[in-house]
Amino acid sequence: MKLEELIKELKAIGIPVSFSHFKEKQTGDYIIYTFKRSASGSDHVNELEEYDYRIELYTAIKNVALEDKVTSFLDELGTDYEIYESVYIEDEDVFMTVISFSFLTRK
């Protein structure tokens, strides 16, 4: 899954989405994503790219239904992912749930 595809899927959920952070303080539910990209392979024919994605879902309450919306497109693709225990961030008065997954593609 390329970055453009991920952004499209996240925006389709219907809540604000941003890379790394928002410039303004957000109210309501929102998503922040980050990623790491690496390349490997012994020649230009067999070069591989690995994308490691991290999606942070911020919600006012623990919201499993919204988590399911975030992971539904991963389920459709048959992608393995990990959902970490939600953490309450007192200063922001929100719960943060982290979802991480990786994709390996041929360049």
PDB file of N, CA and C in Angstrom:
ATOM      1  N   MET A   1       0.853  -1.172   0.000  1.00  0.00           N
ATOM      2  CA  MET A   1       0.000   0.000   0.000  1.00  0.00           C
ATOM      3  C   MET A   1       0.897   1.232   0.000  1.00  0.00           C
ATOM      4  N   LYS A   2       0.736   2.034  -1.009  1.00  0.00           N
ATOM      5  CA  LYS A   2       1.489   3.281  -1.107  1.00  0.00           C
ATOM      6  C   LYS A   2       0.851   4.331  -0.206  1.00  0.00           C
ATOM      7  N   LEU A   3       1.607   5.345   0.116  1.00  0.00           N
ATOM      8  CA  LEU A   3       1.153   6.400   1.016  1.00  0.00           C
ATOM      9  C   LEU A   3      -0.131   7.063   0.514  1.00  0.00           C
ATOM     10  N   GLU A   4      -0.212   7.327  -0.780  1.00  0.00           N
ATOM     11  CA  GLU A   4      -1.395   7.988  -1.340  1.00  0.00           C
ATOM     12  C   GLU A   4      -2.660   7.162  -1.094  1.00  0.00           C
ATOM     13  N   GLU A   5      -2.543   5.840  -1.203  1.00  0.00           N
ATOM     14  CA  GLU A   5      -3.677   4.955  -0.961  1.00  0.00           C
ATOM     15  C   GLU A   5      -4.096   4.998   0.506  1.00  0.00           C
ATOM     16  N   LEU A   6      -3.118   4.995   1.402  1.00  0.00           N
ATOM     17  CA  LEU A   6      -3.413   5.055   2.828  1.00  0.00           C
ATOM     18  C   LEU A   6      -4.159   6.342   3.164  1.00  0.00           C
ATOM     19  N   ILE A   7      -3.667   7.474   2.669  1.00  0.00           N
ATOM     20  CA  ILE A   7      -4.299   8.758   2.958  1.00  0.00           C
ATOM     21  C   ILE A   7      -5.737   8.765   2.450  1.00  0.00           C
ATOM     22  N   LYS A   8      -5.949   8.246   1.258  1.00  0.00           N
ATOM     23  CA  LYS A   8      -7.302   8.178   0.695  1.00  0.00           C
ATOM     24  C   LYS A   8      -8.236   7.363   1.593  1.00  0.00           C
ATOM     25  N   GLU A   9      -7.774   6.208   2.053  1.00  0.00           N
ATOM     26  CA  GLU A   9      -8.590   5.348   2.923  1.00  0.00           C
ATOM     27  C   GLU A   9      -8.880   6.031   4.263  1.00  0.00           C
ATOM     28  N   LEU A  10      -7.871   6.683   4.834  1.00  0.00           N
ATOM     29  CA  LEU A  10      -8.076   7.346   6.125  1.00  0.00           C
ATOM     30  C   LEU A  10      -9.051   8.518   6.004  1.00  0.00           C
ATOM     31  N   LYS A  11      -8.926   9.303   4.947  1.00  0.00           N
ATOM     32  CA  LYS A  11      -9.828  10.448   4.757  1.00  0.00           C
ATOM     33  C   LYS A  11     -11.266  10.002   4.528  1.00  0.00           C
ATOM     34  N   ALA A  12     -11.444   8.818   3.937  1.00  0.00           N
ATOM     35  CA  ALA A  12     -12.787   8.291   3.687  1.00  0.00           C
ATOM     36  C   ALA A  12     -13.533   7.984   4.983  1.00  0.00           C
ATOM     37  N   ILE A  13     -12.824   7.861   6.088  1.00  0.00           N
ATOM     38  CA  ILE A  13     -13.462   7.598   7.384  1.00  0.00           C
ATOM     39  C   ILE A  13     -14.300   8.792   7.828  1.00  0.00           C
ATOM     40  N   GLY A  14     -13.880  10.002   7.431  1.00  0.00           N
ATOM     41  CA  GLY A  14     -14.694  11.179   7.705  1.00  0.00           C
ATOM     42  C   GLY A  14     -14.287  12.004   8.906  1.00  0.00           C
ATOM     43  N   ILE A  15     -13.090  11.782   9.427  1.00  0.00           N
ATOM     44  CA  ILE A  15     -12.593  12.624  10.514  1.00  0.00           C
ATOM     45  C   ILE A  15     -11.278  13.256  10.048  1.00  0.00           C
ATOM     46  N   PRO A  16     -10.825  14.336  10.698  1.00  0.00           N
ATOM     47  CA  PRO A  16      -9.588  14.984  10.262  1.00  0.00           C
ATOM     48  C   PRO A  16      -8.378  14.045  10.294  1.00  0.00           C
ATOM     49  N   VAL A  17      -7.520  14.184   9.279  1.00  0.00           N
ATOM     50  CA  VAL A  17      -6.328  13.347   9.123  1.00  0.00           C
ATOM     51  C   VAL A  17      -5.147  14.258   8.834  1.00  0.00           C
ATOM     52  N   SER A  18      -3.999  13.984   9.476  1.00  0.00           N
ATOM     53  CA  SER A  18      -2.803  14.772   9.207  1.00  0.00           C
ATOM     54  C   SER A  18      -1.562  13.919   9.408  1.00  0.00           C
ATOM     55  N   PHE A  19      -0.508  14.286   8.689  1.00  0.00           N
ATOM     56  CA  PHE A  19       0.784  13.660   8.895  1.00  0.00           C
ATOM     57  C   PHE A  19       1.475  14.305  10.099  1.00  0.00           C
ATOM     58  N   SER A  20       1.921  13.522  11.040  1.00  0.00           N
ATOM     59  CA  SER A  20       2.724  13.942  12.182  1.00  0.00           C
ATOM     60  C   SER A  20       1.985  14.765  13.230  1.00  0.00           C
ATOM     61  N   HIS A  21       1.287  15.837  12.802  1.00  0.00           N
ATOM     62  CA  HIS A  21       0.613  16.707  13.772  1.00  0.00           C
ATOM     63  C   HIS A  21      -0.323  17.669  13.038  1.00  0.00           C
ATOM     64  N   PHE A  22      -1.170  18.320  13.796  1.00  0.00           N
ATOM     65  CA  PHE A  22      -1.996  19.408  13.284  1.00  0.00           C
ATOM     66  C   PHE A  22      -1.410  20.717  13.783  1.00  0.00           C
ATOM     67  N   LYS A  23      -1.540  21.766  13.010  1.00  0.00           N
ATOM     68  CA  LYS A  23      -1.057  23.075  13.453  1.00  0.00           C
ATOM     69  C   LYS A  23      -1.946  23.660  14.538  1.00  0.00           C
ATOM     70  N   GLU A  24      -3.253  23.386  14.438  1.00  0.00           N
ATOM     71  CA  GLU A  24      -4.191  23.870  15.441  1.00  0.00           C
ATOM     72  C   GLU A  24      -4.644  22.704  16.323  1.00  0.00           C
ATOM     73  N   LYS A  25      -5.014  23.036  17.556  1.00  0.00           N
ATOM     74  CA  LYS A  25      -5.547  22.014  18.471  1.00  0.00           C
ATOM     75  C   LYS A  25      -6.850  21.463  17.896  1.00  0.00           C
ATOM     76  N   GLN A  26      -6.985  20.168  17.907  1.00  0.00           N
ATOM     77  CA  GLN A  26      -8.174  19.508  17.368  1.00  0.00           C
ATOM     78  C   GLN A  26      -9.199  19.258  18.465  1.00  0.00           C
ATOM     79  N   THR A  27     -10.450  19.327  18.094  1.00  0.00           N
ATOM     80  CA  THR A  27     -11.539  18.915  18.976  1.00  0.00           C
ATOM     81  C   THR A  27     -12.254  17.776  18.278  1.00  0.00           C
ATOM     82  N   GLY A  28     -12.770  16.858  19.023  1.00  0.00           N
ATOM     83  CA  GLY A  28     -13.403  15.691  18.422  1.00  0.00           C
ATOM     84  C   GLY A  28     -12.360  14.640  18.055  1.00  0.00           C
ATOM     85  N   ASP A  29     -12.806  13.661  17.294  1.00  0.00           N
ATOM     86  CA  ASP A  29     -11.939  12.557  16.905  1.00  0.00           C
ATOM     87  C   ASP A  29     -11.051  12.977  15.731  1.00  0.00           C
ATOM     88  N   TYR A  30      -9.823  12.433  15.695  1.00  0.00           N
ATOM     89  CA  TYR A  30      -8.919  12.728  14.586  1.00  0.00           C
ATOM     90  C   TYR A  30      -7.848  11.656  14.485  1.00  0.00           C
ATOM     91  N   ILE A  31      -7.144  11.674  13.343  1.00  0.00           N
ATOM     92  CA  ILE A  31      -6.097  10.684  13.054  1.00  0.00           C
ATOM     93  C   ILE A  31      -4.806  11.404  12.694  1.00  0.00           C
ATOM     94  N   ILE A  32      -3.716  10.883  13.228  1.00  0.00           N
ATOM     95  CA  ILE A  32      -2.379  11.306  12.831  1.00  0.00           C
ATOM     96  C   ILE A  32      -1.661  10.050  12.343  1.00  0.00           C
ATOM     97  N   TYR A  33      -0.957  10.173  11.218  1.00  0.00           N
ATOM     98  CA  TYR A  33      -0.209   9.025  10.711  1.00  0.00           C
ATOM     99  C   TYR A  33       1.255   9.414  10.502  1.00  0.00           C
ATOM    100  N   THR A  34       2.119   8.431  10.634  1.00  0.00           N
ATOM    101  CA  THR A  34       3.528   8.581  10.305  1.00  0.00           C
ATOM    102  C   THR A  34       3.952   7.301   9.585  1.00  0.00           C
ATOM    103  N   PHE A  35       5.101   7.363   8.943  1.00  0.00           N
ATOM    104  CA  PHE A  35       5.590   6.171   8.263  1.00  0.00           C
ATOM    105  C   PHE A  35       7.093   6.222   8.122  1.00  0.00           C
ATOM    106  N   LYS A  36       7.637   5.045   7.883  1.00  0.00           N
ATOM    107  CA  LYS A  36       9.055   4.883   7.593  1.00  0.00           C
ATOM    108  C   LYS A  36       9.131   4.050   6.323  1.00  0.00           C
ATOM    109  N   ARG A  37       9.993   4.436   5.419  1.00  0.00           N
ATOM    110  CA  ARG A  37      10.151   3.696   4.174  1.00  0.00           C
ATOM    111  C   ARG A  37      11.600   3.263   4.049  1.00  0.00           C
ATOM    112  N   SER A  38      11.805   2.000   3.683  1.00  0.00           N
ATOM    113  CA  SER A  38      13.164   1.513   3.476  1.00  0.00           C
ATOM    114  C   SER A  38      13.202   0.677   2.197  1.00  0.00           C
ATOM    115  N   ALA A  39      14.367   0.614   1.592  1.00  0.00           N
ATOM    116  CA  ALA A  39      14.553  -0.157   0.364  1.00  0.00           C
ATOM    117  C   ALA A  39      15.615  -1.216   0.593  1.00  0.00           C
ATOM    118  N   SER A  40      15.448  -2.343  -0.096  1.00  0.00           N
ATOM    119  CA  SER A  40      16.425  -3.420  -0.001  1.00  0.00           C
ATOM    120  C   SER A  40      16.430  -4.183  -1.315  1.00  0.00           C
ATOM    121  N   GLY A  41      17.385  -5.075  -1.474  1.00  0.00           N
ATOM    122  CA  GLY A  41      17.488  -5.884  -2.687  1.00  0.00           C
ATOM    123  C   GLY A  41      18.884  -5.787  -3.250  1.00  0.00           C
ATOM    124  N   SER A  42      19.271  -6.807  -3.983  1.00  0.00           N
ATOM    125  CA  SER A  42      20.643  -6.890  -4.457  1.00  0.00           C
ATOM    126  C   SER A  42      20.879  -6.201  -5.797  1.00  0.00           C
ATOM    127  N   ASP A  43      19.821  -5.926  -6.538  1.00  0.00           N
ATOM    128  CA  ASP A  43      19.976  -5.243  -7.815  1.00  0.00           C
ATOM    129  C   ASP A  43      18.720  -4.439  -8.123  1.00  0.00           C
ATOM    130  N   HIS A  44      18.734  -3.720  -9.209  1.00  0.00           N
ATOM    131  CA  HIS A  44      17.587  -2.866  -9.541  1.00  0.00           C
ATOM    132  C   HIS A  44      16.350  -3.664  -9.933  1.00  0.00           C
ATOM    133  N   VAL A  45      16.519  -4.919 -10.321  1.00  0.00           N
ATOM    134  CA  VAL A  45      15.383  -5.750 -10.709  1.00  0.00           C
ATOM    135  C   VAL A  45      14.626  -6.240  -9.480  1.00  0.00           C
ATOM    136  N   ASN A  46      15.349  -6.527  -8.415  1.00  0.00           N
ATOM    137  CA  ASN A  46      14.736  -7.126  -7.231  1.00  0.00           C
ATOM    138  C   ASN A  46      14.615  -6.149  -6.065  1.00  0.00           C
ATOM    139  N   GLU A  47      14.662  -4.874  -6.325  1.00  0.00           N
ATOM    140  CA  GLU A  47      14.568  -3.920  -5.228  1.00  0.00           C
ATOM    141  C   GLU A  47      13.173  -3.944  -4.609  1.00  0.00           C
ATOM    142  N   LEU A  48      13.164  -3.929  -3.302  1.00  0.00           N
ATOM    143  CA  LEU A  48      11.919  -3.948  -2.550  1.00  0.00           C
ATOM    144  C   LEU A  48      11.820  -2.683  -1.710  1.00  0.00           C
ATOM    145  N   GLU A  49      10.607  -2.220  -1.505  1.00  0.00           N
ATOM    146  CA  GLU A  49      10.352  -1.116  -0.591  1.00  0.00           C
ATOM    147  C   GLU A  49       9.454  -1.619   0.521  1.00  0.00           C
ATOM    148  N   GLU A  50       9.819  -1.278   1.740  1.00  0.00           N
ATOM    149  CA  GLU A  50       8.984  -1.638   2.883  1.00  0.00           C
ATOM    150  C   GLU A  50       8.479  -0.349   3.514  1.00  0.00           C
ATOM    151  N   TYR A  51       7.189  -0.288   3.710  1.00  0.00           N
ATOM    152  CA  TYR A  51       6.542   0.841   4.367  1.00  0.00           C
ATOM    153  C   TYR A  51       6.055   0.380   5.731  1.00  0.00           C
ATOM    154  N   ASP A  52       6.516   1.034   6.774  1.00  0.00           N
ATOM    155  CA  ASP A  52       6.037   0.778   8.135  1.00  0.00           C
ATOM    156  C   ASP A  52       5.162   1.964   8.528  1.00  0.00           C
ATOM    157  N   TYR A  53       3.875   1.710   8.693  1.00  0.00           N
ATOM    158  CA  TYR A  53       2.917   2.768   9.004  1.00  0.00           C
ATOM    159  C   TYR A  53       2.516   2.737  10.470  1.00  0.00           C
ATOM    160  N   ARG A  54       2.257   3.908  10.994  1.00  0.00           N
ATOM    161  CA  ARG A  54       1.744   4.062  12.364  1.00  0.00           C
ATOM    162  C   ARG A  54       0.568   5.027  12.269  1.00  0.00           C
ATOM    163  N   ILE A  55      -0.595   4.562  12.691  1.00  0.00           N
ATOM    164  CA  ILE A  55      -1.802   5.385  12.714  1.00  0.00           C
ATOM    165  C   ILE A  55      -2.160   5.610  14.169  1.00  0.00           C
ATOM    166  N   GLU A  56      -2.294   6.869  14.548  1.00  0.00           N
ATOM    167  CA  GLU A  56      -2.721   7.211  15.903  1.00  0.00           C
ATOM    168  C   GLU A  56      -4.137   7.752  15.817  1.00  0.00           C
ATOM    169  N   LEU A  57      -5.052   7.044  16.442  1.00  0.00           N
ATOM    170  CA  LEU A  57      -6.454   7.438  16.483  1.00  0.00           C
ATOM    171  C   LEU A  57      -6.732   8.091  17.823  1.00  0.00           C
ATOM    172  N   TYR A  58      -7.171   9.338  17.794  1.00  0.00           N
ATOM    173  CA  TYR A  58      -7.474  10.096  19.014  1.00  0.00           C
ATOM    174  C   TYR A  58      -8.980  10.253  19.134  1.00  0.00           C
ATOM    175  N   THR A  59      -9.523   9.842  20.283  1.00  0.00           N
ATOM    176  CA  THR A  59     -10.968   9.895  20.504  1.00  0.00           C
ATOM    177  C   THR A  59     -11.277  10.371  21.914  1.00  0.00           C
ATOM    178  N   ALA A  60     -12.455  10.963  22.074  1.00  0.00           N
ATOM    179  CA  ALA A  60     -12.878  11.453  23.389  1.00  0.00           C
ATOM    180  C   ALA A  60     -13.181  10.290  24.336  1.00  0.00           C
ATOM    181  N   ILE A  61     -13.653   9.181  23.785  1.00  0.00           N
ATOM    182  CA  ILE A  61     -13.924   7.967  24.555  1.00  0.00           C
ATOM    183  C   ILE A  61     -13.290   6.789  23.816  1.00  0.00           C
ATOM    184  N   LYS A  62     -13.110   5.679  24.490  1.00  0.00           N
ATOM    185  CA  LYS A  62     -12.631   4.469  23.814  1.00  0.00           C
ATOM    186  C   LYS A  62     -13.685   4.099  22.779  1.00  0.00           C
ATOM    187  N   ASN A  63     -13.307   4.090  21.495  1.00  0.00           N
ATOM    188  CA  ASN A  63     -14.277   3.949  20.422  1.00  0.00           C
ATOM    189  C   ASN A  63     -13.885   2.781  19.508  1.00  0.00           C
ATOM    190  N   VAL A  64     -14.348   1.589  19.847  1.00  0.00           N
ATOM    191  CA  VAL A  64     -14.009   0.390  19.090  1.00  0.00           C
ATOM    192  C   VAL A  64     -14.618   0.443  17.685  1.00  0.00           C
ATOM    193  N   ALA A  65     -15.805   1.017  17.544  1.00  0.00           N
ATOM    194  CA  ALA A  65     -16.434   1.119  16.226  1.00  0.00           C
ATOM    195  C   ALA A  65     -15.569   1.943  15.271  1.00  0.00           C
ATOM    196  N   LEU A  66     -14.986   3.023  15.758  1.00  0.00           N
ATOM    197  CA  LEU A  66     -14.116   3.848  14.926  1.00  0.00           C
ATOM    198  C   LEU A  66     -12.797   3.121  14.632  1.00  0.00           C
ATOM    199  N   GLU A  67     -12.284   2.390  15.597  1.00  0.00           N
ATOM    200  CA  GLU A  67     -11.093   1.567  15.357  1.00  0.00           C
ATOM    201  C   GLU A  67     -11.371   0.576  14.222  1.00  0.00           C
ATOM    202  N   ASP A  68     -12.565  -0.019  14.242  1.00  0.00           N
ATOM    203  CA  ASP A  68     -12.943  -0.976  13.197  1.00  0.00           C
ATOM    204  C   ASP A  68     -13.008  -0.306  11.822  1.00  0.00           C
ATOM    205  N   LYS A  69     -13.454   0.941  11.774  1.00  0.00           N
ATOM    206  CA  LYS A  69     -13.460   1.672  10.499  1.00  0.00           C
ATOM    207  C   LYS A  69     -12.040   1.867   9.986  1.00  0.00           C
ATOM    208  N   VAL A  70     -11.129   2.162  10.893  1.00  0.00           N
ATOM    209  CA  VAL A  70      -9.735   2.370  10.502  1.00  0.00           C
ATOM    210  C   VAL A  70      -9.122   1.070   9.981  1.00  0.00           C
ATOM    211  N   THR A  71      -9.456  -0.045  10.591  1.00  0.00           N
ATOM    212  CA  THR A  71      -8.831  -1.309  10.198  1.00  0.00           C
ATOM    213  C   THR A  71      -9.600  -2.066   9.109  1.00  0.00           C
ATOM    214  N   SER A  72     -10.789  -1.627   8.759  1.00  0.00           N
ATOM    215  CA  SER A  72     -11.598  -2.388   7.792  1.00  0.00           C
ATOM    216  C   SER A  72     -10.904  -2.529   6.437  1.00  0.00           C
ATOM    217  N   PHE A  73     -10.250  -1.463   5.949  1.00  0.00           N
ATOM    218  CA  PHE A  73      -9.581  -1.582   4.650  1.00  0.00           C
ATOM    219  C   PHE A  73      -8.351  -2.480   4.753  1.00  0.00           C
ATOM    220  N   LEU A  74      -7.736  -2.566   5.939  1.00  0.00           N
ATOM    221  CA  LEU A  74      -6.618  -3.491   6.129  1.00  0.00           C
ATOM    222  C   LEU A  74      -7.117  -4.930   6.111  1.00  0.00           C
ATOM    223  N   ASP A  75      -8.273  -5.158   6.717  1.00  0.00           N
ATOM    224  CA  ASP A  75      -8.885  -6.486   6.680  1.00  0.00           C
ATOM    225  C   ASP A  75      -9.190  -6.901   5.241  1.00  0.00           C
ATOM    226  N   GLU A  76      -9.730  -5.969   4.455  1.00  0.00           N
ATOM    227  CA  GLU A  76     -10.063  -6.267   3.061  1.00  0.00           C
ATOM    228  C   GLU A  76      -8.824  -6.631   2.249  1.00  0.00           C
ATOM    229  N   LEU A  77      -7.698  -6.016   2.567  1.00  0.00           N
ATOM    230  CA  LEU A  77      -6.451  -6.309   1.861  1.00  0.00           C
ATOM    231  C   LEU A  77      -5.745  -7.553   2.400  1.00  0.00           C
ATOM    232  N   GLY A  78      -6.230  -8.088   3.519  1.00  0.00           N
ATOM    233  CA  GLY A  78      -5.589  -9.241   4.135  1.00  0.00           C
ATOM    234  C   GLY A  78      -4.291  -8.888   4.830  1.00  0.00           C
ATOM    235  N   THR A  79      -4.175  -7.654   5.286  1.00  0.00           N
ATOM    236  CA  THR A  79      -2.956  -7.158   5.908  1.00  0.00           C
ATOM    237  C   THR A  79      -2.950  -7.419   7.408  1.00  0.00           C
ATOM    238  N   ASP A  80      -1.828  -7.903   7.904  1.00  0.00           N
ATOM    239  CA  ASP A  80      -1.659  -8.059   9.342  1.00  0.00           C
ATOM    240  C   ASP A  80      -1.427  -6.686   9.956  1.00  0.00           C
ATOM    241  N   TYR A  81      -1.983  -6.451  11.116  1.00  0.00           N
ATOM    242  CA  TYR A  81      -1.777  -5.191  11.822  1.00  0.00           C
ATOM    243  C   TYR A  81      -1.831  -5.456  13.315  1.00  0.00           C
ATOM    244  N   GLU A  82      -1.372  -4.493  14.065  1.00  0.00           N
ATOM    245  CA  GLU A  82      -1.391  -4.591  15.522  1.00  0.00           C
ATOM    246  C   GLU A  82      -2.068  -3.352  16.079  1.00  0.00           C
ATOM    247  N   ILE A  83      -3.006  -3.565  16.992  1.00  0.00           N
ATOM    248  CA  ILE A  83      -3.665  -2.465  17.693  1.00  0.00           C
ATOM    249  C   ILE A  83      -3.153  -2.499  19.124  1.00  0.00           C
ATOM    250  N   TYR A  84      -2.518  -1.414  19.524  1.00  0.00           N
ATOM    251  CA  TYR A  84      -1.974  -1.330  20.873  1.00  0.00           C
ATOM    252  C   TYR A  84      -3.043  -0.868  21.839  1.00  0.00           C
ATOM    253  N   GLU A  85      -2.867  -1.181  23.095  1.00  0.00           N
ATOM    254  CA  GLU A  85      -3.806  -0.774  24.130  1.00  0.00           C
ATOM    255  C   GLU A  85      -3.991   0.741  24.093  1.00  0.00           C
ATOM    256  N   SER A  86      -5.238   1.175  24.193  1.00  0.00           N
ATOM    257  CA  SER A  86      -5.515   2.608  24.206  1.00  0.00           C
ATOM    258  C   SER A  86      -4.950   3.243  25.468  1.00  0.00           C
ATOM    259  N   VAL A  87      -4.401   4.440  25.291  1.00  0.00           N
ATOM    260  CA  VAL A  87      -3.798   5.172  26.397  1.00  0.00           C
ATOM    261  C   VAL A  87      -4.542   6.490  26.551  1.00  0.00           C
ATOM    262  N   TYR A  88      -4.888   6.819  27.786  1.00  0.00           N
ATOM    263  CA  TYR A  88      -5.545   8.096  28.049  1.00  0.00           C
ATOM    264  C   TYR A  88      -4.476   9.165  28.240  1.00  0.00           C
ATOM    265  N   ILE A  89      -4.589  10.262  27.486  1.00  0.00           N
ATOM    266  CA  ILE A  89      -3.655  11.381  27.594  1.00  0.00           C
ATOM    267  C   ILE A  89      -4.370  12.496  28.338  1.00  0.00           C
ATOM    268  N   GLU A  90      -4.036  12.637  29.601  1.00  0.00           N
ATOM    269  CA  GLU A  90      -4.758  13.542  30.484  1.00  0.00           C
ATOM    270  C   GLU A  90      -4.696  14.999  30.028  1.00  0.00           C
ATOM    271  N   ASP A  91      -3.534  15.468  29.603  1.00  0.00           N
ATOM    272  CA  ASP A  91      -3.390  16.866  29.181  1.00  0.00           C
ATOM    273  C   ASP A  91      -4.298  17.221  28.008  1.00  0.00           C
ATOM    274  N   GLU A  92      -4.557  16.259  27.146  1.00  0.00           N
ATOM    275  CA  GLU A  92      -5.390  16.486  25.956  1.00  0.00           C
ATOM    276  C   GLU A  92      -6.826  16.026  26.164  1.00  0.00           C
ATOM    277  N   ASP A  93      -7.074  15.262  27.223  1.00  0.00           N
ATOM    278  CA  ASP A  93      -8.383  14.690  27.516  1.00  0.00           C
ATOM    279  C   ASP A  93      -8.884  13.819  26.364  1.00  0.00           C
ATOM    280  N   VAL A  94      -7.987  12.949  25.860  1.00  0.00           N
ATOM    281  CA  VAL A  94      -8.325  12.045  24.764  1.00  0.00           C
ATOM    282  C   VAL A  94      -7.703  10.671  25.008  1.00  0.00           C
ATOM    283  N   PHE A  95      -8.247   9.686  24.315  1.00  0.00           N
ATOM    284  CA  PHE A  95      -7.647   8.364  24.263  1.00  0.00           C
ATOM    285  C   PHE A  95      -6.878   8.258  22.953  1.00  0.00           C
ATOM    286  N   MET A  96      -5.679   7.696  23.006  1.00  0.00           N
ATOM    287  CA  MET A  96      -4.894   7.443  21.802  1.00  0.00           C
ATOM    288  C   MET A  96      -4.787   5.936  21.610  1.00  0.00           C
ATOM    289  N   THR A  97      -5.200   5.476  20.434  1.00  0.00           N
ATOM    290  CA  THR A  97      -5.062   4.082  20.064  1.00  0.00           C
ATOM    291  C   THR A  97      -4.133   4.015  18.865  1.00  0.00           C
ATOM    292  N   VAL A  98      -3.083   3.226  18.970  1.00  0.00           N
ATOM    293  CA  VAL A  98      -2.097   3.114  17.900  1.00  0.00           C
ATOM    294  C   VAL A  98      -2.336   1.822  17.132  1.00  0.00           C
ATOM    295  N   ILE A  99      -2.353   1.963  15.803  1.00  0.00           N
ATOM    296  CA  ILE A  99      -2.487   0.826  14.898  1.00  0.00           C
ATOM    297  C   ILE A  99      -1.253   0.845  14.000  1.00  0.00           C
ATOM    298  N   SER A 100      -0.528  -0.252  13.945  1.00  0.00           N
ATOM    299  CA  SER A 100       0.665  -0.292  13.105  1.00  0.00           C
ATOM    300  C   SER A 100       0.601  -1.486  12.158  1.00  0.00           C
ATOM    301  N   PHE A 101       1.189  -1.281  10.977  1.00  0.00           N
ATOM    302  CA  PHE A 101       1.243  -2.349   9.985  1.00  0.00           C
ATOM    303  C   PHE A 101       2.346  -2.036   8.984  1.00  0.00           C
ATOM    304  N   SER A 102       2.737  -3.049   8.216  1.00  0.00           N
ATOM    305  CA  SER A 102       3.801  -2.904   7.220  1.00  0.00           C
ATOM    306  C   SER A 102       3.335  -3.451   5.874  1.00  0.00           C
ATOM    307  N   PHE A 103       3.903  -2.883   4.817  1.00  0.00           N
ATOM    308  CA  PHE A 103       3.686  -3.362   3.454  1.00  0.00           C
ATOM    309  C   PHE A 103       5.019  -3.508   2.759  1.00  0.00           C
ATOM    310  N   LEU A 104       5.198  -4.580   2.041  1.00  0.00           N
ATOM    311  CA  LEU A 104       6.400  -4.805   1.261  1.00  0.00           C
ATOM    312  C   LEU A 104       5.988  -4.828  -0.213  1.00  0.00           C
ATOM    313  N   THR A 105       6.624  -3.987  -1.024  1.00  0.00           N
ATOM    314  CA  THR A 105       6.279  -3.914  -2.451  1.00  0.00           C
ATOM    315  C   THR A 105       7.556  -3.962  -3.281  1.00  0.00           C
ATOM    316  N   ARG A 106       7.412  -4.422  -4.501  1.00  0.00           N
ATOM    317  CA  ARG A 106       8.521  -4.408  -5.445  1.00  0.00           C
ATOM    318  C   ARG A 106       8.556  -3.029  -6.093  1.00  0.00           C
ATOM    319  N   LYS A 107       9.754  -2.438  -6.186  1.00  0.00           N
ATOM    320  CA  LYS A 107       9.890  -1.111  -6.788  1.00  0.00           C
ATOM    321  C   LYS A 107       9.543  -1.142  -8.258  1.00  0.00           C
TER     322      LYS A 107
END
